[in-house]
Amino acid sequence: MKIRKGDYGYIKRQKVTRLLKTLAFFLLPMAFFIIGLVLNKGDRMNIYTVIAMVGCIPACMSAVGMIMMWMRKPMSAELYQEISSRAGSLLMVYELFLTTQEKNLFLDATAVCGDYVTAYTDREIKHKDLEFMEEHIRKTLRADHYKATVKIFDRTQKKAFLERLDTLRNRQTEFEAAANENFKPYEKYPDLSRNEVVKHILMAIAL
């Protein structure tokens, strides 16, 4: 089964995928450079060297993305089982690494239910950093005309997060019906529900 962004196991899969892609990007300009040397009898001053140098730009960009992904610790199988068993039919998004110019934050799990976006990070984070990322998510959603109550729990609040999942699951129909009253389909995803649109917006701001 193909693992997409937002699925459990995405980080682990991306580490391998981005490594292979980066190696391929570096091998291509290297091949051009070697061909140039062979055709020009060891003289590096040729068009193939220029092509190889330009080709290193996307390779270096790919390397940056690969390094950022390899620095991430994936969600544990035990944590996934614990959260998914409590989530029930809630729309869940897993392993999102949110990045901003000021701060970054890895969200192990995020529930999207009506006007509520509830996330959990299995790290101990400063309260002000959680508030910063909550506001970042709210601003991003507001920019696309979707309001949301955003709450992020860290590992010291794990019990509270699981209890919030229970509340969302038990009142899922009520919350989603209220949010859908004024829902207008998103022009980029006209066939998606409100929950699914919010999920795509969250994935768009994640690595």
Protein backbone atom coordinates (compact mmCIF):
# COMPACT_ATOMS: atom_id res chain seq x y z
CA MET A 1 0.00 0.00 0.00
CA LYS A 2 1.34 3.42 -0.98
CA ILE A 3 2.17 5.62 2.01
CA ARG A 4 1.22 9.26 1.39
CA LYS A 5 1.88 12.42 3.37
CA GLY A 6 -0.35 12.36 6.43
CA ASP A 7 -0.20 8.57 6.77
CA TYR A 8 1.58 6.74 9.57
CA GLY A 9 4.98 5.57 8.32
CA TYR A 10 5.47 8.56 6.02
CA ILE A 11 8.69 9.77 7.69
CA LYS A 12 10.34 6.35 7.55
CA ARG A 13 9.40 5.90 3.89
CA GLN A 14 10.51 9.42 2.96
CA LYS A 15 13.94 8.88 4.49
CA VAL A 16 14.61 6.08 2.01
CA THR A 17 12.87 7.79 -0.91
CA ARG A 18 14.70 11.10 -0.50
CA LEU A 19 18.06 9.37 -0.05
CA LEU A 20 17.65 7.47 -3.32
CA LYS A 21 16.39 10.58 -5.13
CA THR A 22 19.33 12.66 -3.90
CA LEU A 23 21.84 10.01 -4.98
CA ALA A 24 20.24 9.93 -8.43
CA PHE A 25 20.39 13.74 -8.69
CA PHE A 26 24.12 13.72 -7.89
CA LEU A 27 24.93 10.79 -10.17
CA LEU A 28 23.49 12.53 -13.24
CA PRO A 29 25.79 15.61 -13.20
CA MET A 30 28.69 13.36 -12.24
CA ALA A 31 28.00 11.29 -15.35
CA PHE A 32 28.00 14.44 -17.52
CA PHE A 33 31.29 15.55 -15.97
CA ILE A 34 32.95 12.19 -16.65
CA ILE A 35 31.64 12.10 -20.22
CA GLY A 36 33.09 15.56 -20.78
CA LEU A 37 36.49 14.46 -19.50
CA VAL A 38 36.49 11.39 -21.75
CA LEU A 39 35.38 13.24 -24.89
CA ASN A 40 37.83 16.10 -24.29
CA LYS A 41 40.79 13.96 -23.25
CA GLY A 42 40.88 15.11 -19.63
CA ASP A 43 40.21 18.79 -20.27
CA ARG A 44 37.61 20.06 -17.78
CA MET A 45 36.96 23.26 -19.75
CA ASN A 46 34.00 22.04 -21.79
CA ILE A 47 30.21 22.38 -22.01
CA TYR A 48 29.69 19.11 -20.13
CA THR A 49 31.37 20.60 -17.05
CA VAL A 50 28.96 23.56 -17.18
CA ILE A 51 25.97 21.20 -17.46
CA ALA A 52 27.30 19.18 -14.51
CA MET A 53 27.71 22.29 -12.35
CA VAL A 54 24.17 23.49 -13.11
CA GLY A 55 22.88 19.99 -12.44
CA CYS A 56 24.30 20.12 -8.92
CA ILE A 57 21.79 22.84 -7.95
CA PRO A 58 18.70 20.57 -7.82
CA ALA A 59 20.87 17.85 -6.29
CA CYS A 60 21.89 20.16 -3.43
CA MET A 61 18.29 21.25 -2.91
CA SER A 62 17.26 17.61 -2.72
CA ALA A 63 20.05 16.98 -0.21
CA VAL A 64 18.72 19.73 2.07
CA GLY A 65 15.25 18.14 2.08
CA MET A 66 16.80 14.73 2.71
CA ILE A 67 18.82 15.98 5.69
CA MET A 68 15.78 17.68 7.22
CA MET A 69 13.79 14.46 6.88
CA TRP A 70 16.57 12.29 8.35
CA MET A 71 16.69 14.58 11.39
CA ARG A 72 13.07 13.69 12.19
CA LYS A 73 12.27 10.85 14.57
CA PRO A 74 9.24 8.96 13.23
CA MET A 75 6.17 8.22 15.29
CA SER A 76 6.48 4.98 17.25
CA ALA A 77 4.24 2.04 16.42
CA GLU A 78 3.06 1.88 20.04
CA LEU A 79 1.98 5.53 20.03
CA TYR A 80 0.21 5.10 16.69
CA GLN A 81 -1.75 2.11 17.95
CA GLU A 82 -2.71 3.93 21.15
CA ILE A 83 -3.93 7.06 19.34
CA SER A 84 -5.61 5.36 16.36
CA SER A 85 -7.56 3.06 18.70
CA ARG A 86 -9.02 6.13 20.45
CA ALA A 87 -9.61 8.13 17.26
CA GLY A 88 -12.20 5.78 15.78
CA SER A 89 -13.71 7.34 12.63
CA LEU A 90 -12.13 10.76 13.16
CA LEU A 91 -10.12 12.11 10.24
CA MET A 92 -6.50 11.79 11.39
CA VAL A 93 -3.27 13.14 9.95
CA TYR A 94 0.00 11.61 11.14
CA GLU A 95 3.67 12.65 11.16
CA LEU A 96 3.48 16.27 10.01
CA PHE A 97 6.64 18.35 10.36
CA LEU A 98 5.48 21.97 10.34
CA THR A 99 8.07 24.57 9.39
CA THR A 100 8.11 28.36 9.70
CA GLN A 101 10.89 30.93 9.54
CA GLU A 102 10.86 31.18 13.35
CA LYS A 103 10.04 27.70 14.65
CA ASN A 104 9.52 24.09 13.61
CA LEU A 105 7.35 21.45 15.24
CA PHE A 106 6.74 17.76 14.62
CA LEU A 107 3.12 16.68 15.13
CA ASP A 108 2.77 12.95 15.66
CA ALA A 109 -1.00 13.01 15.24
CA THR A 110 -3.64 15.58 14.32
CA ALA A 111 -7.43 15.16 14.43
CA VAL A 112 -9.62 17.26 12.13
CA CYS A 113 -13.26 17.43 13.18
CA GLY A 114 -15.48 20.30 12.06
CA ASP A 115 -14.10 23.56 13.43
CA TYR A 116 -11.61 21.74 15.66
CA VAL A 117 -7.98 20.90 14.87
CA THR A 118 -6.45 18.96 17.75
CA ALA A 119 -2.83 17.80 17.58
CA TYR A 120 -0.28 15.94 19.68
CA THR A 121 3.52 16.07 19.70
CA ASP A 122 5.40 13.40 21.63
CA ARG A 123 7.96 15.99 22.74
CA GLU A 124 8.03 18.33 25.70
CA ILE A 125 7.64 21.81 24.18
CA LYS A 126 7.62 25.27 25.75
CA HIS A 127 4.10 26.63 26.14
CA LYS A 128 4.88 29.75 24.11
CA ASP A 129 6.18 27.62 21.22
CA LEU A 130 2.95 25.61 21.19
CA GLU A 131 0.95 28.82 21.15
CA PHE A 132 3.06 30.15 18.28
CA MET A 133 2.40 27.08 16.15
CA GLU A 134 -1.31 27.06 17.04
CA GLU A 135 -1.57 30.64 15.80
CA HIS A 136 0.39 29.73 12.66
CA ILE A 137 -2.15 27.03 11.84
CA ARG A 138 -5.09 29.35 12.58
CA LYS A 139 -3.65 32.08 10.32
CA THR A 140 -3.03 29.61 7.52
CA LEU A 141 -6.60 28.32 7.68
CA ARG A 142 -8.03 31.85 7.93
CA ALA A 143 -6.12 32.80 4.78
CA ASP A 144 -8.20 30.17 2.99
CA HIS A 145 -11.39 31.34 4.76
CA TYR A 146 -11.64 28.46 7.23
CA LYS A 147 -11.93 29.20 10.93
CA ALA A 148 -10.77 26.64 13.47
CA THR A 149 -10.16 26.13 17.15
CA VAL A 150 -6.59 24.83 17.23
CA LYS A 151 -5.04 23.07 20.21
CA ILE A 152 -1.68 21.29 20.37
CA PHE A 153 -0.81 19.00 23.29
CA ASP A 154 2.75 17.95 24.16
CA ARG A 155 3.90 14.75 25.86
CA THR A 156 3.15 16.13 29.34
CA GLN A 157 -0.51 16.46 28.24
CA LYS A 158 -0.93 13.11 26.55
CA LYS A 159 -3.85 12.05 28.75
CA ALA A 160 -5.65 15.33 28.01
CA PHE A 161 -5.12 14.80 24.26
CA LEU A 162 -6.59 11.29 24.38
CA GLU A 163 -9.57 12.60 26.36
CA ARG A 164 -10.06 15.33 23.74
CA LEU A 165 -10.10 12.63 21.07
CA ASP A 166 -12.85 10.86 23.00
CA THR A 167 -14.88 14.08 23.11
CA LEU A 168 -14.43 14.74 19.38
CA ARG A 169 -15.30 11.15 18.51
CA ASN A 170 -18.43 11.12 20.67
CA ARG A 171 -19.66 14.45 19.25
CA GLN A 172 -18.26 14.04 15.75
CA THR A 173 -21.60 14.22 13.94
CA GLU A 174 -22.63 17.35 15.85
CA PHE A 175 -19.33 19.19 15.30
CA GLU A 176 -19.11 18.33 11.61
CA ALA A 177 -22.72 19.28 10.93
CA ALA A 178 -22.22 22.69 12.56
CA ALA A 179 -19.07 23.36 10.54
CA ASN A 180 -20.66 22.27 7.27
CA GLU A 181 -23.56 24.74 7.55
CA ASN A 182 -21.52 27.54 5.98
CA PHE A 183 -19.01 25.36 4.14
CA LYS A 184 -18.18 26.36 0.59
CA PRO A 185 -16.18 23.88 -1.50
CA TYR A 186 -12.52 24.81 -1.89
CA GLU A 187 -11.76 25.71 -5.49
CA LYS A 188 -8.57 23.62 -5.50
CA TYR A 189 -10.39 20.55 -4.13
CA PRO A 190 -14.07 20.94 -5.13
CA ASP A 191 -14.96 17.32 -4.36
CA LEU A 192 -13.54 17.20 -0.84
CA SER A 193 -15.40 17.61 2.44
CA ARG A 194 -14.51 20.43 4.84
CA ASN A 195 -12.47 18.08 7.02
CA GLU A 196 -10.53 16.83 4.01
CA VAL A 197 -9.85 20.38 2.79
CA VAL A 198 -8.43 21.34 6.20
CA LYS A 199 -6.29 18.19 6.11
CA HIS A 200 -4.84 19.17 2.72
CA ILE A 201 -4.08 22.69 3.93
CA LEU A 202 -2.21 21.28 6.93
CA MET A 203 -0.21 18.94 4.71
CA ALA A 204 0.63 21.85 2.39
CA ILE A 205 2.51 23.65 5.20
CA ALA A 206 4.36 20.52 6.30
CA LEU A 207 7.65 19.14 5.01
